[in-house]
Amino acid sequence: MSIAYLGPAGSFTEAALSGLDVPHDSAVPYSTVRQALDAVRRGEATAGVIPWENSVEGSVTESVDTLAAGRDLRIVGETLLRVEFALAVPPAGTLASVRQVLTHPVAHAQCRAWLGDNLPWADTVTATSTAQAAREVAAGAVPGRAAIASPDTLRRYGLDILASGIGDRRDAVTRFVKVARPVTGSLPTGVDRTSLVVPLADKMQHLHTVLEEFARSCIPLTAVLSRPGGFGLGTYSFLLECEGHVDDPAVGPVVAALAQRHAAFVLGSYPRADPGRLALLT
């Protein structure tokens, strides 16, 4: 059975597959995060790999919202990837000829300063992934286009690199997660992370009581992200991530209490990525 991932070939997500022990010959690219996760939901793929969080831009909200919208998938693993960004054009193109820059919004956010200094006249166009941006620019249908992606990806699509290392932060890291149907839960490893959603809706005043549950049990929170609740202004759901496994004696009761009081639900308990195994994609 295949593994779905955010493609096309050459995307950062494809590079993250090896960190999740996914053989490349079983990986199938999909154009969007939703399509990749839907393939897992339909049983066309046993698991999916999607970007989850970036150290510069924060959480990948498309991934968070799409996964949280259905409660039928669970995060089962994660990996970290350090990346380098470059800008490239079709052969014979020049920096002065660039009128549009294609890239993923998260990549754009990490290269904003360089673009402001070197291409202030160019418009930025959103692509579903950096690899998709490279592929579209290589097709050459629109003159004056450039793509931002990893150097390897840009070369893979036959583009000429005009500038490398254009990211605002050289130490930027992206976290990718592996998602599957909840057949059986993973066992605690001692170095785990739990992700859960707390839909507070219009009861924002209860957020401090939710956070106090973790503080009282001495459970370190690693992320707190608010997302629109979808029921008008002032309604929110919160993505919370903490150290530990839902089967741990300390974590389990807190998660159960939040489920009872606020209809919280778990997106997954899974082994945390080892920062010592951080890979560099160039």
Foldseek 3Di string as FASTA:
>chain_A
DAEEEADDPPFVQLVCCVVVVHDSVRYDHDPALLVRVVCQVVVVHQKYKYWAAKPQPGGPVRNVCSLVVDQFKAWADKAKAQEKKFKWAAPPDDLVLAAEEEAAPVQCSQQVVVCCVRPVNHHYDYGNHQLRRLQVRLVVPDTRYMGMHGPVSNVVSRTGTDGIRRTPDNRMMIMMTMMGGCPDADDDDPAKKWKKKFFCFQVVVCVVVLVVLCVVLVWAKDDWDWDANPPDPRGTMIIIMTTDFCPDPSNVVSQVVSCVPGVMDTRGMYHYYDPVPHYYGD
